[in-house]
């Protein structure tokens, strides 16, 4: 590795997903993830770093297998390494030349230098266009220095610069005659990349556009990642067992008394408390109230399908069903029989239903016959 400094792995918004630590002794990079991984899903990312080959461990002019172990897996890349020789340039003067370098202290700042018309061509109404590559933004202004044939600065001006939608900015240079121009400006790195590229172009009324690309290699390490924020989790209300539910009232139904849970009516449904009778089963109770066994288990946190007599179950049923199974209240009656001015008998109760069997009915009937006979004798 060329650079052993640690670096963050960020998402596009600058949130740190992980911190990378480089160990030059073990030649490893370790990622320590932040809490970002607990609040995001579908995580993915990449790392980049610069490394040089160990000349003692490679063979030139042939394929060298380079092993990249990642945790418990190993990936091998076959790299062909050959000897190269460098040659000097032609030395011919150029129309446009551009280069850049990172600031010695602030590696997030790149200093760009553009030299125009070192060839000292006559250029009418020259216009300079700069295309700034991704991962960087402009800083401040551009400085334009005009030089004579001996490269002595004759004048200096500053112009504000800003990028258009195509990431270009333009400078009006004017007519050049035996003159060259040096343009300097800075850019700020906003996203870590392997390199940063800019393009310089000069054109004039008598000169077709001439361009030159320049790149600055980032020898720092870095990484980028992405994650998806899951939708917020809706917390379920705390479970309240049937025995502790607040009861508004009790109604008589075809299936026995039902307790109505207070303030439970919602969207045409209402929660009731049903008391298990002997012989009841979960499927049977579900059928009575037009619900499912799974719903009953969920509402009551039942782990098995066994029911006990007297056990209370809370059920969320249709309000219309409750209305249809509710039995009407039986009206109270009062009867008074007066025998002359001496005897008064008052019986209070409910009217009997068809088929009712109660010993009190026979007693009241017999008592009524006695009074009837006594009244008849008294009148005679």
Foldseek 3Di string as FASTA:
>chain_A
DLDQDKEFAEAPVRHGQWIWGADPVVRDIDTDGDCVPVQFPPKDKDKDADDDDDPVQDDAQAWDWDWDDDVPDIDIDTDHHHDDDDDDDPPAFDQKDKEWEADPVDRQKIKIKMKGPLVQDWFAFKKKKKAWFPQKAWDFWKKKFKAALVRHTDDIDIDHWHQDPRRMTMDGDGTTGRMMMMMMTMIGGPDDDQKIKMKMWMAGPPGDIDMDMYMYGDNHMYMYMDTHRDDDDDDDDDADAPVPFDFDDWFQFPLGIKTWGPPQDDPQKGKIKDFDAPPDWLVNVCVLQVHDSVVQCVNHVDPDRDDDGRDITIDIGGPVSVVVGTDDDFDKDWDWDDQPPPDIDIDIDGDDDPPDDDVVVVVVVVVVVVSVVVSVVVVD
